[in-house]
Structures are given as structure tokens and as C-alpha cells.
Amino acid sequence: MALLRGLFWFALFIVFTFSFVVLFEYGPRDFAKGVWKEYARVKSFAVKQTERIGKTKKNR
């Protein structure tokens, strides 16, 4: 149960941190557009990192 509670708080922390970054970067007026832009940036970063990891594993 403690693990589940810890995962919940970690997920909540990630959501609020993401929201704060979007609010800080784009402001309250462009919040909805900013969410999609930041989501695309995070997704592209994650894809690049996983491709890099895949390439290093293939070279072993």
C-alpha cells in the first residue's frame, strides 16, 4: 500500500511540475496551447533518448 501511495505522489508531482513549467513558459492565456507544445517537446526528447539507447545496445 505504501508503494501505491508513493507512486501516486510521484505522479502528482510530475503533473504539477509539468503544469508549472507550462504556466511559467506560456502564461495563463496560452496554457492549453502550451500544454500541447510542451507535451510534443517531452515526447520528442523521450523518443530521441530511447533511440539512442537502442543504438548503443545494437552496437554491443
PDB file of N, CA and C in Angstrom:
ATOM      1  N   MET A   1       0.820  -1.190   0.000  1.00  0.00           N
ATOM      2  CA  MET A   1       0.000   0.000   0.000  1.00  0.00           C
ATOM      3  C   MET A   1       0.867   1.259   0.000  1.00  0.00           C
ATOM      4  N   ALA A   2       1.996   1.191   0.709  1.00  0.00           N
ATOM      5  CA  ALA A   2       2.893   2.348   0.749  1.00  0.00           C
ATOM      6  C   ALA A   2       3.494   2.603  -0.631  1.00  0.00           C
ATOM      7  N   LEU A   3       3.768   1.538  -1.376  1.00  0.00           N
ATOM      8  CA  LEU A   3       4.307   1.694  -2.728  1.00  0.00           C
ATOM      9  C   LEU A   3       3.292   2.394  -3.627  1.00  0.00           C
ATOM     10  N   LEU A   4       2.047   2.000  -3.523  1.00  0.00           N
ATOM     11  CA  LEU A   4       0.987   2.614  -4.316  1.00  0.00           C
ATOM     12  C   LEU A   4       0.831   4.099  -3.975  1.00  0.00           C
ATOM     13  N   ARG A   5       0.886   4.409  -2.696  1.00  0.00           N
ATOM     14  CA  ARG A   5       0.785   5.795  -2.259  1.00  0.00           C
ATOM     15  C   ARG A   5       1.987   6.602  -2.753  1.00  0.00           C
ATOM     16  N   GLY A   6       3.170   6.009  -2.704  1.00  0.00           N
ATOM     17  CA  GLY A   6       4.371   6.680  -3.194  1.00  0.00           C
ATOM     18  C   GLY A   6       4.302   6.942  -4.690  1.00  0.00           C
ATOM     19  N   LEU A   7       3.802   5.971  -5.454  1.00  0.00           N
ATOM     20  CA  LEU A   7       3.646   6.159  -6.895  1.00  0.00           C
ATOM     21  C   LEU A   7       2.626   7.248  -7.204  1.00  0.00           C
ATOM     22  N   PHE A   8       1.557   7.284  -6.440  1.00  0.00           N
ATOM     23  CA  PHE A   8       0.553   8.331  -6.618  1.00  0.00           C
ATOM     24  C   PHE A   8       1.154   9.712  -6.395  1.00  0.00           C
ATOM     25  N   TRP A   9       1.913   9.896  -5.309  1.00  0.00           N
ATOM     26  CA  TRP A   9       2.509  11.191  -5.019  1.00  0.00           C
ATOM     27  C   TRP A   9       3.552  11.571  -6.064  1.00  0.00           C
ATOM     28  N   PHE A  10       4.298  10.598  -6.556  1.00  0.00           N
ATOM     29  CA  PHE A  10       5.286  10.870  -7.598  1.00  0.00           C
ATOM     30  C   PHE A  10       4.594  11.319  -8.888  1.00  0.00           C
ATOM     31  N   ALA A  11       3.517  10.625  -9.271  1.00  0.00           N
ATOM     32  CA  ALA A  11       2.762  11.004 -10.474  1.00  0.00           C
ATOM     33  C   ALA A  11       2.155  12.396 -10.306  1.00  0.00           C
ATOM     34  N   LEU A  12       1.638  12.684  -9.135  1.00  0.00           N
ATOM     35  CA  LEU A  12       1.078  14.002  -8.863  1.00  0.00           C
ATOM     36  C   LEU A  12       2.153  15.081  -8.950  1.00  0.00           C
ATOM     37  N   PHE A  13       3.329  14.790  -8.438  1.00  0.00           N
ATOM     38  CA  PHE A  13       4.456  15.717  -8.516  1.00  0.00           C
ATOM     39  C   PHE A  13       4.824  15.997  -9.972  1.00  0.00           C
ATOM     40  N   ILE A  14       4.863  14.963 -10.810  1.00  0.00           N
ATOM     41  CA  ILE A  14       5.194  15.130 -12.228  1.00  0.00           C
ATOM     42  C   ILE A  14       4.145  15.998 -12.923  1.00  0.00           C
ATOM     43  N   VAL A  15       2.877  15.748 -12.647  1.00  0.00           N
ATOM     44  CA  VAL A  15       1.799  16.523 -13.272  1.00  0.00           C
ATOM     45  C   VAL A  15       1.876  17.991 -12.864  1.00  0.00           C
ATOM     46  N   PHE A  16       2.066  18.260 -11.580  1.00  0.00           N
ATOM     47  CA  PHE A  16       2.127  19.642 -11.126  1.00  0.00           C
ATOM     48  C   PHE A  16       3.392  20.347 -11.617  1.00  0.00           C
ATOM     49  N   THR A  17       4.492  19.631 -11.708  1.00  0.00           N
ATOM     50  CA  THR A  17       5.717  20.225 -12.237  1.00  0.00           C
ATOM     51  C   THR A  17       5.543  20.582 -13.704  1.00  0.00           C
ATOM     52  N   PHE A  18       4.953  19.678 -14.474  1.00  0.00           N
ATOM     53  CA  PHE A  18       4.688  19.946 -15.885  1.00  0.00           C
ATOM     54  C   PHE A  18       3.772  21.158 -16.031  1.00  0.00           C
ATOM     55  N   SER A  19       2.737  21.219 -15.218  1.00  0.00           N
ATOM     56  CA  SER A  19       1.800  22.347 -15.279  1.00  0.00           C
ATOM     57  C   SER A  19       2.493  23.658 -14.915  1.00  0.00           C
ATOM     58  N   PHE A  20       3.359  23.629 -13.927  1.00  0.00           N
ATOM     59  CA  PHE A  20       4.078  24.836 -13.539  1.00  0.00           C
ATOM     60  C   PHE A  20       4.990  25.311 -14.662  1.00  0.00           C
ATOM     61  N   VAL A  21       5.693  24.385 -15.300  1.00  0.00           N
ATOM     62  CA  VAL A  21       6.579  24.758 -16.398  1.00  0.00           C
ATOM     63  C   VAL A  21       5.786  25.384 -17.533  1.00  0.00           C
ATOM     64  N   VAL A  22       4.670  24.777 -17.887  1.00  0.00           N
ATOM     65  CA  VAL A  22       3.834  25.320 -18.958  1.00  0.00           C
ATOM     66  C   VAL A  22       3.308  26.697 -18.567  1.00  0.00           C
ATOM     67  N   LEU A  23       2.836  26.837 -17.360  1.00  0.00           N
ATOM     68  CA  LEU A  23       2.320  28.125 -16.901  1.00  0.00           C
ATOM     69  C   LEU A  23       3.408  29.186 -16.899  1.00  0.00           C
ATOM     70  N   PHE A  24       4.602  28.828 -16.490  1.00  0.00           N
ATOM     71  CA  PHE A  24       5.712  29.769 -16.448  1.00  0.00           C
ATOM     72  C   PHE A  24       6.172  30.163 -17.852  1.00  0.00           C
ATOM     73  N   GLU A  25       6.228  29.205 -18.764  1.00  0.00           N
ATOM     74  CA  GLU A  25       6.711  29.465 -20.116  1.00  0.00           C
ATOM     75  C   GLU A  25       5.685  30.200 -20.980  1.00  0.00           C
ATOM     76  N   TYR A  26       4.433  29.799 -20.908  1.00  0.00           N
ATOM     77  CA  TYR A  26       3.420  30.305 -21.838  1.00  0.00           C
ATOM     78  C   TYR A  26       2.396  31.236 -21.200  1.00  0.00           C
ATOM     79  N   GLY A  27       2.309  31.244 -19.904  1.00  0.00           N
ATOM     80  CA  GLY A  27       1.348  32.102 -19.219  1.00  0.00           C
ATOM     81  C   GLY A  27      -0.044  31.499 -19.203  1.00  0.00           C
ATOM     82  N   PRO A  28      -0.936  32.106 -18.424  1.00  0.00           N
ATOM     83  CA  PRO A  28      -2.289  31.549 -18.314  1.00  0.00           C
ATOM     84  C   PRO A  28      -3.123  31.726 -19.580  1.00  0.00           C
ATOM     85  N   ARG A  29      -2.776  32.687 -20.409  1.00  0.00           N
ATOM     86  CA  ARG A  29      -3.569  32.932 -21.601  1.00  0.00           C
ATOM     87  C   ARG A  29      -3.381  31.832 -22.652  1.00  0.00           C
ATOM     88  N   ASP A  30      -2.160  31.326 -22.795  1.00  0.00           N
ATOM     89  CA  ASP A  30      -1.864  30.297 -23.793  1.00  0.00           C
ATOM     90  C   ASP A  30      -1.594  28.945 -23.144  1.00  0.00           C
ATOM     91  N   PHE A  31      -2.230  28.679 -22.022  1.00  0.00           N
ATOM     92  CA  PHE A  31      -1.938  27.458 -21.275  1.00  0.00           C
ATOM     93  C   PHE A  31      -2.272  26.201 -22.081  1.00  0.00           C
ATOM     94  N   ALA A  32      -3.419  26.160 -22.720  1.00  0.00           N
ATOM     95  CA  ALA A  32      -3.838  24.960 -23.457  1.00  0.00           C
ATOM     96  C   ALA A  32      -2.901  24.688 -24.636  1.00  0.00           C
ATOM     97  N   LYS A  33      -2.545  25.728 -25.370  1.00  0.00           N
ATOM     98  CA  LYS A  33      -1.605  25.550 -26.482  1.00  0.00           C
ATOM     99  C   LYS A  33      -0.227  25.158 -25.966  1.00  0.00           C
ATOM    100  N   GLY A  34       0.161  25.743 -24.841  1.00  0.00           N
ATOM    101  CA  GLY A  34       1.455  25.444 -24.251  1.00  0.00           C
ATOM    102  C   GLY A  34       1.565  24.005 -23.786  1.00  0.00           C
ATOM    103  N   VAL A  35       0.470  23.456 -23.282  1.00  0.00           N
ATOM    104  CA  VAL A  35       0.477  22.056 -22.851  1.00  0.00           C
ATOM    105  C   VAL A  35       0.810  21.155 -24.029  1.00  0.00           C
ATOM    106  N   TRP A  36       0.191  21.405 -25.174  1.00  0.00           N
ATOM    107  CA  TRP A  36       0.445  20.560 -26.341  1.00  0.00           C
ATOM    108  C   TRP A  36       1.870  20.742 -26.860  1.00  0.00           C
ATOM    109  N   LYS A  37       2.383  21.977 -26.822  1.00  0.00           N
ATOM    110  CA  LYS A  37       3.749  22.221 -27.273  1.00  0.00           C
ATOM    111  C   LYS A  37       4.760  21.526 -26.361  1.00  0.00           C
ATOM    112  N   GLU A  38       4.579  21.667 -25.064  1.00  0.00           N
ATOM    113  CA  GLU A  38       5.498  21.024 -24.117  1.00  0.00           C
ATOM    114  C   GLU A  38       5.386  19.508 -24.174  1.00  0.00           C
ATOM    115  N   TYR A  39       4.175  19.001 -24.362  1.00  0.00           N
ATOM    116  CA  TYR A  39       3.995  17.561 -24.494  1.00  0.00           C
ATOM    117  C   TYR A  39       4.764  17.050 -25.707  1.00  0.00           C
ATOM    118  N   ALA A  40       4.704  17.783 -26.813  1.00  0.00           N
ATOM    119  CA  ALA A  40       5.442  17.385 -28.019  1.00  0.00           C
ATOM    120  C   ALA A  40       6.946  17.425 -27.762  1.00  0.00           C
ATOM    121  N   ARG A  41       7.414  18.428 -27.026  1.00  0.00           N
ATOM    122  CA  ARG A  41       8.847  18.518 -26.713  1.00  0.00           C
ATOM    123  C   ARG A  41       9.292  17.356 -25.834  1.00  0.00           C
ATOM    124  N   VAL A  42       8.504  17.034 -24.823  1.00  0.00           N
ATOM    125  CA  VAL A  42       8.844  15.926 -23.927  1.00  0.00           C
ATOM    126  C   VAL A  42       8.816  14.603 -24.683  1.00  0.00           C
ATOM    127  N   LYS A  43       7.810  14.435 -25.529  1.00  0.00           N
ATOM    128  CA  LYS A  43       7.690  13.200 -26.306  1.00  0.00           C
ATOM    129  C   LYS A  43       8.869  13.048 -27.262  1.00  0.00           C
ATOM    130  N   SER A  44       9.246  14.122 -27.945  1.00  0.00           N
ATOM    131  CA  SER A  44      10.368  14.043 -28.883  1.00  0.00           C
ATOM    132  C   SER A  44      11.671  13.759 -28.136  1.00  0.00           C
ATOM    133  N   PHE A  45      11.850  14.337 -26.954  1.00  0.00           N
ATOM    134  CA  PHE A  45      13.038  14.064 -26.149  1.00  0.00           C
ATOM    135  C   PHE A  45      13.084  12.592 -25.742  1.00  0.00           C
ATOM    136  N   ALA A  46      11.954  12.059 -25.308  1.00  0.00           N
ATOM    137  CA  ALA A  46      11.898  10.659 -24.888  1.00  0.00           C
ATOM    138  C   ALA A  46      12.187   9.717 -26.060  1.00  0.00           C
ATOM    139  N   VAL A  47      11.658  10.029 -27.232  1.00  0.00           N
ATOM    140  CA  VAL A  47      11.887   9.190 -28.409  1.00  0.00           C
ATOM    141  C   VAL A  47      13.360   9.217 -28.799  1.00  0.00           C
ATOM    142  N   LYS A  48      13.980  10.399 -28.777  1.00  0.00           N
ATOM    143  CA  LYS A  48      15.401  10.501 -29.114  1.00  0.00           C
ATOM    144  C   LYS A  48      16.256   9.717 -28.135  1.00  0.00           C
ATOM    145  N   GLN A  49      15.920   9.790 -26.867  1.00  0.00           N
ATOM    146  CA  GLN A  49      16.705   9.074 -25.861  1.00  0.00           C
ATOM    147  C   GLN A  49      16.556   7.563 -26.007  1.00  0.00           C
ATOM    148  N   THR A  50      15.355   7.098 -26.290  1.00  0.00           N
ATOM    149  CA  THR A  50      15.163   5.654 -26.448  1.00  0.00           C
ATOM    150  C   THR A  50      15.824   5.153 -27.728  1.00  0.00           C
ATOM    151  N   GLU A  51      15.841   5.972 -28.783  1.00  0.00           N
ATOM    152  CA  GLU A  51      16.552   5.580 -29.997  1.00  0.00           C
ATOM    153  C   GLU A  51      18.038   5.490 -29.728  1.00  0.00           C
ATOM    154  N   ARG A  52      18.563   6.427 -28.955  1.00  0.00           N
ATOM    155  CA  ARG A  52      19.990   6.410 -28.622  1.00  0.00           C
ATOM    156  C   ARG A  52      20.348   5.180 -27.798  1.00  0.00           C
ATOM    157  N   ILE A  53      19.482   4.817 -26.874  1.00  0.00           N
ATOM    158  CA  ILE A  53      19.727   3.625 -26.065  1.00  0.00           C
ATOM    159  C   ILE A  53      19.678   2.380 -26.945  1.00  0.00           C
ATOM    160  N   GLY A  54      18.715   2.341 -27.866  1.00  0.00           N
ATOM    161  CA  GLY A  54      18.600   1.202 -28.784  1.00  0.00           C
ATOM    162  C   GLY A  54      19.833   1.059 -29.661  1.00  0.00           C
ATOM    163  N   LYS A  55      20.382   2.158 -30.131  1.00  0.00           N
ATOM    164  CA  LYS A  55      21.579   2.117 -30.969  1.00  0.00           C
ATOM    165  C   LYS A  55      22.778   1.618 -30.205  1.00  0.00           C
ATOM    166  N   THR A  56      22.932   2.029 -28.946  1.00  0.00           N
ATOM    167  CA  THR A  56      24.075   1.575 -28.171  1.00  0.00           C
ATOM    168  C   THR A  56      23.955   0.091 -27.834  1.00  0.00           C
ATOM    169  N   LYS A  57      22.749  -0.391 -27.635  1.00  0.00           N
ATOM    170  CA  LYS A  57      22.585  -1.824 -27.361  1.00  0.00           C
ATOM    171  C   LYS A  57      22.863  -2.660 -28.598  1.00  0.00           C
ATOM    172  N   LYS A  58      22.546  -2.159 -29.795  1.00  0.00           N
ATOM    173  CA  LYS A  58      22.807  -2.898 -31.020  1.00  0.00           C
ATOM    174  C   LYS A  58      24.287  -2.968 -31.307  1.00  0.00           C
ATOM    175  N   ASN A  59      25.057  -1.970 -30.897  1.00  0.00           N
ATOM    176  CA  ASN A  59      26.482  -1.930 -31.166  1.00  0.00           C
ATOM    177  C   ASN A  59      27.288  -2.819 -30.235  1.00  0.00           C
ATOM    178  N   ARG A  60      26.700  -3.373 -29.221  1.00  0.00           N
ATOM    179  CA  ARG A  60      27.427  -4.221 -28.276  1.00  0.00           C
ATOM    180  C   ARG A  60      27.734  -5.548 -28.838  1.00  0.00           C
TER     181      ARG A  60
END
